[in-house]
C-alpha atoms as a PDB file:
ATOM      1  CA  MET A   1     110.707  88.693  24.658  1.00  0.00           C
ATOM      2  CA  GLU A   2     114.011  90.016  26.105  1.00  0.00           C
ATOM      3  CA  LYS A   3     115.866  88.837  23.011  1.00  0.00           C
ATOM      4  CA  GLU A   4     113.591  90.923  20.794  1.00  0.00           C
ATOM      5  CA  ILE A   5     113.727  93.958  23.112  1.00  0.00           C
ATOM      6  CA  THR A   6     117.540  94.063  23.036  1.00  0.00           C
ATOM      7  CA  LYS A   7     117.982  93.013  19.407  1.00  0.00           C
ATOM      8  CA  TYR A   8     118.210  96.538  17.954  1.00  0.00           C
ATOM      9  CA  ILE A   9     120.726  98.904  19.497  1.00  0.00           C
ATOM     10  CA  TYR A  10     121.353 102.431  18.249  1.00  0.00           C
ATOM     11  CA  PHE A  11     124.533 104.258  19.245  1.00  0.00           C
ATOM     12  CA  SER A  12     123.973 108.010  19.473  1.00  0.00           C
ATOM     13  CA  PHE A  13     127.710 108.593  19.041  1.00  0.00           C
ATOM     14  CA  GLU A  14     129.911 108.149  15.961  1.00  0.00           C
ATOM     15  CA  ASN A  15     132.809 106.168  17.478  1.00  0.00           C
ATOM     16  CA  THR A  16     132.149 102.446  17.456  1.00  0.00           C
ATOM     17  CA  PRO A  17     132.839 100.744  20.817  1.00  0.00           C
ATOM     18  CA  ALA A  18     136.218  98.959  20.743  1.00  0.00           C
ATOM     19  CA  GLU A  19     134.573  95.526  21.120  1.00  0.00           C
ATOM     20  CA  LEU A  20     132.716  96.080  17.830  1.00  0.00           C
ATOM     21  CA  ALA A  21     135.265  98.109  15.871  1.00  0.00           C
ATOM     22  CA  ASP A  22     136.569  95.175  13.809  1.00  0.00           C
ATOM     23  CA  LYS A  23     133.150  93.654  13.042  1.00  0.00           C
ATOM     24  CA  LYS A  24     131.832  93.571   9.501  1.00  0.00           C
ATOM     25  CA  SER A  25     129.462  96.438   8.735  1.00  0.00           C
ATOM     26  CA  ILE A  26     127.388  97.877   5.923  1.00  0.00           C
ATOM     27  CA  GLU A  27     126.385 101.435   5.178  1.00  0.00           C
ATOM     28  CA  PHE A  28     122.680 101.956   4.749  1.00  0.00           C
ATOM     29  CA  SER A  29     120.622 105.137   4.836  1.00  0.00           C
ATOM     30  CA  ASN A  30     123.604 107.234   6.050  1.00  0.00           C
ATOM     31  CA  HIS A  31     124.242 104.842   8.944  1.00  0.00           C
ATOM     32  CA  LYS A  32     126.762 102.136   9.778  1.00  0.00           C
ATOM     33  CA  ILE A  33     125.030  98.838  10.581  1.00  0.00           C
ATOM     34  CA  MET A  34     126.673  95.812  12.221  1.00  0.00           C
ATOM     35  CA  GLU A  35     125.103  92.454  12.993  1.00  0.00           C
ATOM     36  CA  TYR A  36     126.849  90.657  15.847  1.00  0.00           C
ATOM     37  CA  LEU A  37     125.804  88.215  18.609  1.00  0.00           C
ATOM     38  CA  ASN A  38     122.073  88.297  17.744  1.00  0.00           C
ATOM     39  CA  HIS A  39     122.027  92.110  17.799  1.00  0.00           C
ATOM     40  CA  VAL A  40     121.793  94.723  15.104  1.00  0.00           C
ATOM     41  CA  PHE A  41     123.902  97.779  15.983  1.00  0.00           C
ATOM     42  CA  VAL A  42     123.165 101.027  14.168  1.00  0.00           C
ATOM     43  CA  GLN A  43     125.033 104.322  14.356  1.00  0.00           C
ATOM     44  CA  PRO A  44     124.983 107.529  12.340  1.00  0.00           C
ATOM     45  CA  LEU A  45     127.906 108.297  10.048  1.00  0.00           C
ATOM     46  CA  GLU A  46     127.551 111.948  11.072  1.00  0.00           C
ATOM     47  CA  HIS A  47     125.231 114.121  13.165  1.00  0.00           C
ATOM     48  CA  THR A  48     123.609 116.181  10.430  1.00  0.00           C
ATOM     49  CA  PRO A  49     120.035 116.570   9.186  1.00  0.00           C
ATOM     50  CA  ASN A  50     121.070 114.565   6.092  1.00  0.00           C
ATOM     51  CA  HIS A  51     121.908 111.596   8.310  1.00  0.00           C
ATOM     52  CA  ILE A  52     119.410 111.846  11.161  1.00  0.00           C
ATOM     53  CA  ASN A  53     115.881 112.392   9.854  1.00  0.00           C
ATOM     54  CA  PRO A  54     112.525 110.599   9.626  1.00  0.00           C
ATOM     55  CA  ASN A  55     113.168 109.372   6.068  1.00  0.00           C
ATOM     56  CA  ASN A  56     116.451 107.610   6.905  1.00  0.00           C
ATOM     57  CA  PHE A  57     115.121 106.201  10.178  1.00  0.00           C
ATOM     58  CA  GLU A  58     111.979 104.936   8.440  1.00  0.00           C
ATOM     59  CA  LYS A  59     114.110 103.075   5.866  1.00  0.00           C
ATOM     60  CA  ILE A  60     116.113 101.438   8.652  1.00  0.00           C
ATOM     61  CA  ARG A  61     112.944 100.640  10.612  1.00  0.00           C
ATOM     62  CA  GLU A  62     111.304  99.017   7.583  1.00  0.00           C
ATOM     63  CA  LYS A  63     114.403  97.049   6.503  1.00  0.00           C
ATOM     64  CA  TYR A  64     114.854  95.490   9.960  1.00  0.00           C
ATOM     65  CA  LYS A  65     111.181  95.586  11.067  1.00  0.00           C
ATOM     66  CA  ILE A  66     112.121  97.525  14.223  1.00  0.00           C
ATOM     67  CA  LYS A  67     109.358  98.004  16.804  1.00  0.00           C
ATOM     68  CA  ASN A  68     111.522  98.879  19.790  1.00  0.00           C
ATOM     69  CA  LEU A  69     115.055 100.075  20.177  1.00  0.00           C
ATOM     70  CA  ILE A  70     117.758 100.428  22.788  1.00  0.00           C
ATOM     71  CA  LEU A  71     119.210 103.921  22.381  1.00  0.00           C
ATOM     72  CA  ILE A  72     122.675 104.317  23.924  1.00  0.00           C
ATOM     73  CA  ASP A  73     124.852 107.387  24.439  1.00  0.00           C
ATOM     74  CA  TYR A  74     128.026 108.385  26.235  1.00  0.00           C
ATOM     75  CA  LEU A  75     127.648 109.811  29.729  1.00  0.00           C
ATOM     76  CA  LYS A  76     129.526 112.409  31.762  1.00  0.00           C
ATOM     77  CA  SER A  77     128.265 112.119  35.347  1.00  0.00           C
ATOM     78  CA  LYS A  78     129.094 110.928  38.852  1.00  0.00           C
ATOM     79  CA  LYS A  79     127.301 107.729  37.856  1.00  0.00           C
ATOM     80  CA  LYS A  80     128.862 105.166  35.507  1.00  0.00           C
ATOM     81  CA  ILE A  81     125.714 103.923  33.772  1.00  0.00           C
ATOM     82  CA  ILE A  82     122.127 105.173  33.865  1.00  0.00           C
ATOM     83  CA  ASN A  83     118.671 104.481  32.544  1.00  0.00           C
ATOM     84  CA  ILE A  84     117.185 107.503  30.807  1.00  0.00           C
ATOM     85  CA  LYS A  85     113.601 108.570  31.443  1.00  0.00           C
ATOM     86  CA  ASP A  86     113.781 112.034  29.823  1.00  0.00           C
ATOM     87  CA  HIS A  87     116.183 114.504  28.244  1.00  0.00           C
ATOM     88  CA  VAL A  88     116.811 118.186  27.703  1.00  0.00           C
ATOM     89  CA  ASN A  89     118.048 118.792  24.167  1.00  0.00           C
ATOM     90  CA  LYS A  90     120.851 121.374  24.308  1.00  0.00           C
ATOM     91  CA  THR A  91     122.555 120.187  21.111  1.00  0.00           C
ATOM     92  CA  GLY A  92     121.350 123.126  19.036  1.00  0.00           C
ATOM     93  CA  TYR A  93     119.662 120.668  16.653  1.00  0.00           C
ATOM     94  CA  ASN A  94     116.115 119.494  16.176  1.00  0.00           C
ATOM     95  CA  PHE A  95     116.325 116.828  13.481  1.00  0.00           C
ATOM     96  CA  LEU A  96     112.548 117.031  12.966  1.00  0.00           C
ATOM     97  CA  ARG A  97     112.691 120.702  11.945  1.00  0.00           C
ATOM     98  CA  SER A  98     111.434 121.085   8.359  1.00  0.00           C
ATOM     99  CA  LYS A  99     110.976 117.271   8.143  1.00  0.00           C
ATOM    100  CA  THR A 100     107.391 117.069   9.385  1.00  0.00           C
ATOM    101  CA  PRO A 101     104.777 116.096   8.515  1.00  0.00           C
ATOM    102  CA  PHE A 102     106.247 112.816   7.276  1.00  0.00           C
ATOM    103  CA  LYS A 103     104.055 110.062   5.800  1.00  0.00           C
ATOM    104  CA  LYS A 104     100.817 111.532   7.160  1.00  0.00           C
ATOM    105  CA  ARG A 105     102.175 111.839  10.701  1.00  0.00           C
ATOM    106  CA  GLU A 106     101.512 115.001  12.691  1.00  0.00           C
ATOM    107  CA  THR A 107     103.481 118.208  12.139  1.00  0.00           C
ATOM    108  CA  PHE A 108     103.968 118.939  15.851  1.00  0.00           C
ATOM    109  CA  PRO A 109     104.258 115.558  17.599  1.00  0.00           C
ATOM    110  CA  ASP A 110     103.834 115.136  21.351  1.00  0.00           C
ATOM    111  CA  MET A 111     107.279 114.427  22.804  1.00  0.00           C
ATOM    112  CA  SER A 112     106.337 114.391  26.486  1.00  0.00           C
ATOM    113  CA  LYS A 113     106.991 110.638  26.836  1.00  0.00           C
ATOM    114  CA  VAL A 114     109.836 109.729  24.515  1.00  0.00           C
ATOM    115  CA  TYR A 115     111.311 106.890  26.613  1.00  0.00           C
ATOM    116  CA  LEU A 116     109.495 103.844  27.980  1.00  0.00           C
ATOM    117  CA  SER A 117     111.544 103.841  31.203  1.00  0.00           C
ATOM    118  CA  LYS A 118     109.649 105.408  34.082  1.00  0.00           C
ATOM    119  CA  ASN A 119     112.568 104.963  36.469  1.00  0.00           C
ATOM    120  CA  GLY A 120     115.748 106.651  35.464  1.00  0.00           C
ATOM    121  CA  GLU A 121     117.505 109.935  35.082  1.00  0.00           C
ATOM    122  CA  VAL A 122     116.999 113.120  33.095  1.00  0.00           C
ATOM    123  CA  VAL A 123     119.994 113.884  30.870  1.00  0.00           C
ATOM    124  CA  PHE A 124     121.253 117.043  29.206  1.00  0.00           C
ATOM    125  CA  SER A 125     122.307 116.304  25.617  1.00  0.00           C
ATOM    126  CA  VAL A 126     124.971 118.749  24.484  1.00  0.00           C
ATOM    127  CA  GLY A 127     125.943 117.409  21.046  1.00  0.00           C
ATOM    128  CA  SER A 128     129.433 118.250  19.839  1.00  0.00           C
ATOM    129  CA  SER A 129     130.054 120.157  23.111  1.00  0.00           C
ATOM    130  CA  PHE A 130     130.348 116.787  24.902  1.00  0.00           C
ATOM    131  CA  ARG A 131     133.843 116.619  26.373  1.00  0.00           C
ATOM    132  CA  ASP A 132     135.739 115.280  29.356  1.00  0.00           C
ATOM    133  CA  ASP A 133     135.781 118.537  31.344  1.00  0.00           C
ATOM    134  CA  LEU A 134     131.999 118.848  31.770  1.00  0.00           C
ATOM    135  CA  ASP A 135     130.648 119.275  35.312  1.00  0.00           C
ATOM    136  CA  ILE A 136     129.909 115.817  36.700  1.00  0.00           C
ATOM    137  CA  ASN A 137     127.132 117.111  38.977  1.00  0.00           C
ATOM    138  CA  HIS A 138     124.709 116.728  36.056  1.00  0.00           C
ATOM    139  CA  ASN A 139     124.040 113.885  33.636  1.00  0.00           C
ATOM    140  CA  TYR A 140     125.461 114.982  30.282  1.00  0.00           C
ATOM    141  CA  THR A 141     125.144 112.981  27.082  1.00  0.00           C
ATOM    142  CA  SER A 142     126.161 113.771  23.531  1.00  0.00           C
ATOM    143  CA  TRP A 143     123.311 113.306  21.021  1.00  0.00           C
ATOM    144  CA  ILE A 144     120.550 111.103  22.493  1.00  0.00           C
ATOM    145  CA  GLY A 145     118.228 114.075  23.098  1.00  0.00           C
ATOM    146  CA  ALA A 146     118.275 115.102  19.450  1.00  0.00           C
ATOM    147  CA  ILE A 147     118.054 111.543  18.080  1.00  0.00           C
ATOM    148  CA  ALA A 148     115.415 109.947  20.336  1.00  0.00           C
ATOM    149  CA  THR A 149     112.656 112.269  19.133  1.00  0.00           C
ATOM    150  CA  VAL A 150     113.124 111.148  15.523  1.00  0.00           C
ATOM    151  CA  TRP A 151     112.790 107.461  16.432  1.00  0.00           C
ATOM    152  CA  LYS A 152     109.740 108.254  18.570  1.00  0.00           C
ATOM    153  CA  TYR A 153     108.208 110.283  15.739  1.00  0.00           C
ATOM    154  CA  ILE A 154     108.291 107.316  13.346  1.00  0.00           C
ATOM    155  CA  GLY A 155     106.652 105.053  15.932  1.00  0.00           C
ATOM    156  CA  VAL A 156     109.543 103.157  17.525  1.00  0.00           C
ATOM    157  CA  ASP A 157     109.445 102.496  21.281  1.00  0.00           C
ATOM    158  CA  ILE A 158     112.665 103.584  22.995  1.00  0.00           C
ATOM    159  CA  TYR A 159     114.615 102.443  26.016  1.00  0.00           C
ATOM    160  CA  GLY A 160     117.425 104.905  26.729  1.00  0.00           C
ATOM    161  CA  PHE A 161     120.754 104.246  28.453  1.00  0.00           C
ATOM    162  CA  ALA A 162     124.022 106.126  28.834  1.00  0.00           C
ATOM    163  CA  TYR A 163     127.420 105.070  30.125  1.00  0.00           C
ATOM    164  CA  THR A 164     130.831 106.565  30.754  1.00  0.00           C
ATOM    165  CA  LYS A 165     133.548 105.898  28.180  1.00  0.00           C
ATOM    166  CA  GLU A 166     135.571 103.942  30.750  1.00  0.00           C
ATOM    167  CA  PHE A 167     132.943 101.181  30.801  1.00  0.00           C
ATOM    168  CA  LYS A 168     133.409  98.168  28.551  1.00  0.00           C
ATOM    169  CA  PHE A 169     130.490  97.773  26.178  1.00  0.00           C
ATOM    170  CA  ASP A 170     129.985  94.120  27.185  1.00  0.00           C
ATOM    171  CA  SER A 171     129.265  95.339  30.736  1.00  0.00           C
ATOM    172  CA  VAL A 172     126.805  97.899  29.378  1.00  0.00           C
ATOM    173  CA  LEU A 173     124.968  95.224  27.398  1.00  0.00           C
ATOM    174  CA  LYS A 174     124.765  93.009  30.497  1.00  0.00           C
ATOM    175  CA  HIS A 175     123.346  95.941  32.511  1.00  0.00           C
ATOM    176  CA  ILE A 176     120.728  96.666  29.837  1.00  0.00           C
ATOM    177  CA  LYS A 177     119.598  93.035  29.692  1.00  0.00           C
ATOM    178  CA  GLY A 178     119.289  93.012  33.485  1.00  0.00           C
ATOM    179  CA  GLU A 179     117.292  96.249  33.529  1.00  0.00           C
ATOM    180  CA  LEU A 180     114.902  95.007  30.854  1.00  0.00           C
ATOM    181  CA  SER A 181     114.472  91.489  32.236  1.00  0.00           C
ATOM    182  CA  TRP A 182     111.247  92.565  34.007  1.00  0.00           C
ATOM    183  CA  ILE A 183     109.582  92.777  30.581  1.00  0.00           C
ATOM    184  CA  ASN A 184     109.597  88.977  30.400  1.00  0.00           C
ATOM    185  CA  PHE A 185     107.149  88.903  33.303  1.00  0.00           C
ATOM    186  CA  LEU A 186     104.506  91.138  31.711  1.00  0.00           C
END
C-alpha cells in the first residue's frame, strides 16, 4: 500500500529539486513529468490558470490512474519539514474560478477537508511572494494552497508536505514514507 500512496508526487513549485534535475522528463498537459525510482513526479510549467486547472489535472489523473497524491511545496518556517493539514490561500489565485462546474461536478465544492492528514500544520500559501525574508514565526509555502483545491475537486486524495529549500529531497522522501507508513496497518 505504501508504494502506491507515495507513487505520485506533485511539486507545487516550478524549480525541479537538484536530485531530479537531470532526469528524463516529458511535457504533458502543461506539466513536466518525470518517472524515477518507482515514482511519478509532476510539476507545473507555470502557475497560471492555463496550466493549473481541472481539465489539465483530469488528463494527468486519467493518464496515470491517480487516486492519491503527495503534494509537496517549499516551506519558510522555524520547522524544516511539516505535514500539512490545512492551508490559507493568500496567493491571489483560485484556479477553480470560472472552471466549475467541470464534468458534472459541483460548482461550489466543499473545501473544508482538502488534506487527509489530521495531524499537521496550517500553512499560508503566498504564491510568487514566497521569498527568503518572510517571517519564520508562521508556516509559509508558495503555491500548495492554490493547487491542492484543484486536485481535491477532481477527486484525488491529498497528503500535503512542505520543506525548507536547505533540505535534500531524498531526506524529504524518506520523511514522507515514514509519516505514511501507518497506512499499511489499516
